[in-house]
PDB file of N, CA and C in Angstrom:
ATOM      1  N   UNK A   1     132.435  85.664  37.089  1.00  0.00           N
ATOM      2  CA  UNK A   1     133.587  86.593  37.389  1.00  0.00           C
ATOM      3  C   UNK A   1     133.034  87.770  38.106  1.00  0.00           C
ATOM      4  N   UNK A   2     133.900  88.177  39.036  1.00  0.00           N
ATOM      5  CA  UNK A   2     133.429  89.297  40.010  1.00  0.00           C
ATOM      6  C   UNK A   2     133.364  90.630  39.269  1.00  0.00           C
ATOM      7  N   UNK A   3     132.272  91.339  39.340  1.00  0.00           N
ATOM      8  CA  UNK A   3     132.088  92.532  38.568  1.00  0.00           C
ATOM      9  C   UNK A   3     132.129  93.856  39.438  1.00  0.00           C
ATOM     10  N   UNK A   4     132.301  93.607  40.750  1.00  0.00           N
ATOM     11  CA  UNK A   4     132.341  94.824  41.705  1.00  0.00           C
ATOM     12  C   UNK A   4     133.791  95.217  41.831  1.00  0.00           C
ATOM     13  N   UNK A   5     134.018  96.216  42.744  1.00  0.00           N
ATOM     14  CA  UNK A   5     135.355  96.650  43.039  1.00  0.00           C
ATOM     15  C   UNK A   5     136.009  95.733  43.965  1.00  0.00           C
ATOM     16  N   UNK A   6     137.312  95.555  43.733  1.00  0.00           N
ATOM     17  CA  UNK A   6     138.137  94.684  44.703  1.00  0.00           C
ATOM     18  C   UNK A   6     138.402  95.563  45.993  1.00  0.00           C
ATOM     19  N   UNK A   7     138.789  94.799  47.045  1.00  0.00           N
ATOM     20  CA  UNK A   7     138.996  95.377  48.292  1.00  0.00           C
ATOM     21  C   UNK A   7     140.153  96.427  48.232  1.00  0.00           C
ATOM     22  N   UNK A   8     141.179  96.185  47.480  1.00  0.00           N
ATOM     23  CA  UNK A   8     142.337  96.940  47.483  1.00  0.00           C
ATOM     24  C   UNK A   8     142.030  98.351  46.856  1.00  0.00           C
ATOM     25  N   UNK A   9     141.142  98.320  45.827  1.00  0.00           N
ATOM     26  CA  UNK A   9     140.646  99.543  45.217  1.00  0.00           C
ATOM     27  C   UNK A   9     139.833 100.368  46.171  1.00  0.00           C
ATOM     28  N   UNK A  10     139.085  99.688  46.923  1.00  0.00           N
ATOM     29  CA  UNK A  10     138.208 100.409  47.981  1.00  0.00           C
ATOM     30  C   UNK A  10     139.113 101.070  49.022  1.00  0.00           C
ATOM     31  N   UNK A  11     140.170 100.379  49.406  1.00  0.00           N
ATOM     32  CA  UNK A  11     141.043 100.909  50.463  1.00  0.00           C
ATOM     33  C   UNK A  11     141.738 102.268  49.852  1.00  0.00           C
ATOM     34  N   UNK A  12     142.140 102.111  48.619  1.00  0.00           N
ATOM     35  CA  UNK A  12     142.742 103.272  48.099  1.00  0.00           C
ATOM     36  C   UNK A  12     141.885 104.434  47.947  1.00  0.00           C
ATOM     37  N   UNK A  13     140.603 104.279  47.871  1.00  0.00           N
ATOM     38  CA  UNK A  13     139.629 105.425  47.814  1.00  0.00           C
ATOM     39  C   UNK A  13     139.581 106.157  49.172  1.00  0.00           C
ATOM     40  N   UNK A  14     139.804 105.460  50.235  1.00  0.00           N
ATOM     41  CA  UNK A  14     139.664 106.071  51.611  1.00  0.00           C
ATOM     42  C   UNK A  14     141.090 106.622  52.021  1.00  0.00           C
ATOM     43  N   UNK A  15     142.173 105.879  51.775  1.00  0.00           N
ATOM     44  CA  UNK A  15     143.452 106.394  52.160  1.00  0.00           C
ATOM     45  C   UNK A  15     144.053 107.334  51.157  1.00  0.00           C
ATOM     46  N   UNK A  16     144.741 108.441  51.655  1.00  0.00           N
ATOM     47  CA  UNK A  16     145.295 109.302  50.681  1.00  0.00           C
ATOM     48  C   UNK A  16     146.651 108.824  50.152  1.00  0.00           C
ATOM     49  N   UNK A  17     147.217 109.400  49.113  1.00  0.00           N
ATOM     50  CA  UNK A  17     148.264 108.937  48.461  1.00  0.00           C
ATOM     51  C   UNK A  17     149.551 108.959  49.431  1.00  0.00           C
ATOM     52  N   UNK A  18     149.644 110.070  50.187  1.00  0.00           N
ATOM     53  CA  UNK A  18     150.779 110.218  51.140  1.00  0.00           C
ATOM     54  C   UNK A  18     150.823 108.967  52.141  1.00  0.00           C
ATOM     55  N   UNK A  19     149.745 108.788  52.714  1.00  0.00           N
ATOM     56  CA  UNK A  19     149.731 107.748  53.717  1.00  0.00           C
ATOM     57  C   UNK A  19     149.982 106.350  53.112  1.00  0.00           C
ATOM     58  N   UNK A  20     149.433 106.072  51.875  1.00  0.00           N
ATOM     59  CA  UNK A  20     149.654 104.832  51.242  1.00  0.00           C
ATOM     60  C   UNK A  20     151.168 104.632  50.923  1.00  0.00           C
ATOM     61  N   UNK A  21     151.783 105.835  50.462  1.00  0.00           N
ATOM     62  CA  UNK A  21     153.209 105.612  50.122  1.00  0.00           C
ATOM     63  C   UNK A  21     154.118 105.482  51.349  1.00  0.00           C
ATOM     64  N   UNK A  22     153.699 106.124  52.376  1.00  0.00           N
ATOM     65  CA  UNK A  22     154.406 106.036  53.705  1.00  0.00           C
ATOM     66  C   UNK A  22     154.325 104.552  54.196  1.00  0.00           C
ATOM     67  N   UNK A  23     153.235 103.935  54.081  1.00  0.00           N
ATOM     68  CA  UNK A  23     153.079 102.447  54.444  1.00  0.00           C
ATOM     69  C   UNK A  23     153.868 101.521  53.493  1.00  0.00           C
ATOM     70  N   UNK A  24     153.904 101.842  52.279  1.00  0.00           N
ATOM     71  CA  UNK A  24     154.700 101.046  51.272  1.00  0.00           C
ATOM     72  C   UNK A  24     156.149 101.155  51.578  1.00  0.00           C
ATOM     73  N   UNK A  25     156.604 102.352  51.958  1.00  0.00           N
ATOM     74  CA  UNK A  25     157.995 102.529  52.365  1.00  0.00           C
ATOM     75  C   UNK A  25     158.316 101.930  53.594  1.00  0.00           C
ATOM     76  N   UNK A  26     157.380 101.894  54.643  1.00  0.00           N
ATOM     77  CA  UNK A  26     157.740 101.391  55.978  1.00  0.00           C
ATOM     78  C   UNK A  26     157.867  99.840  55.939  1.00  0.00           C
ATOM     79  N   UNK A  27     156.911  99.218  55.148  1.00  0.00           N
ATOM     80  CA  UNK A  27     156.919  97.729  55.122  1.00  0.00           C
ATOM     81  C   UNK A  27     157.642  97.160  53.906  1.00  0.00           C
ATOM     82  N   UNK A  28     158.393  98.031  53.199  1.00  0.00           N
ATOM     83  CA  UNK A  28     159.202  97.507  51.949  1.00  0.00           C
ATOM     84  C   UNK A  28     158.242  96.908  50.971  1.00  0.00           C
ATOM     85  N   UNK A  29     157.163  97.559  50.621  1.00  0.00           N
ATOM     86  CA  UNK A  29     156.144  97.084  49.851  1.00  0.00           C
ATOM     87  C   UNK A  29     156.538  96.982  48.318  1.00  0.00           C
ATOM     88  N   UNK A  30     157.559  97.687  47.880  1.00  0.00           N
ATOM     89  CA  UNK A  30     158.008  97.622  46.461  1.00  0.00           C
ATOM     90  C   UNK A  30     159.144  96.695  46.358  1.00  0.00           C
ATOM     91  N   UNK A  31     159.379  95.822  47.100  1.00  0.00           N
ATOM     92  CA  UNK A  31     160.625  94.864  47.225  1.00  0.00           C
ATOM     93  C   UNK A  31     160.657  94.047  45.843  1.00  0.00           C
ATOM     94  N   UNK A  32     159.551  93.452  45.478  1.00  0.00           N
ATOM     95  CA  UNK A  32     159.585  92.648  44.255  1.00  0.00           C
ATOM     96  C   UNK A  32     158.879  93.331  42.995  1.00  0.00           C
ATOM     97  N   UNK A  33     158.774  94.571  43.078  1.00  0.00           N
ATOM     98  CA  UNK A  33     158.133  95.364  42.013  1.00  0.00           C
ATOM     99  C   UNK A  33     159.039  95.611  40.852  1.00  0.00           C
ATOM    100  N   UNK A  34     158.668  95.320  39.685  1.00  0.00           N
ATOM    101  CA  UNK A  34     159.581  95.631  38.556  1.00  0.00           C
ATOM    102  C   UNK A  34     158.883  96.860  37.729  1.00  0.00           C
ATOM    103  N   UNK A  35     159.726  97.601  37.121  1.00  0.00           N
ATOM    104  CA  UNK A  35     159.175  98.692  36.331  1.00  0.00           C
ATOM    105  C   UNK A  35     159.117  98.337  34.895  1.00  0.00           C
ATOM    106  N   UNK A  36     158.031  98.929  34.233  1.00  0.00           N
ATOM    107  CA  UNK A  36     157.881  98.590  32.834  1.00  0.00           C
ATOM    108  C   UNK A  36     158.229  99.866  32.100  1.00  0.00           C
ATOM    109  N   UNK A  37     159.319  99.836  31.380  1.00  0.00           N
ATOM    110  CA  UNK A  37     159.635 101.018  30.560  1.00  0.00           C
ATOM    111  C   UNK A  37     159.225 100.875  29.117  1.00  0.00           C
ATOM    112  N   UNK A  38     158.517 101.937  28.640  1.00  0.00           N
ATOM    113  CA  UNK A  38     158.058 101.829  27.207  1.00  0.00           C
ATOM    114  C   UNK A  38     158.811 102.762  26.352  1.00  0.00           C
TER     115      UNK A  38
END
């Protein structure tokens, strides 16, 4: 099993939260995301 960091987590370290959220909104990245309410 892979024990290092995944590519997605490495990208998130470089890109700030504002830019990431802007890309998610632009490309409709939350289209199939469901929320988990506890």
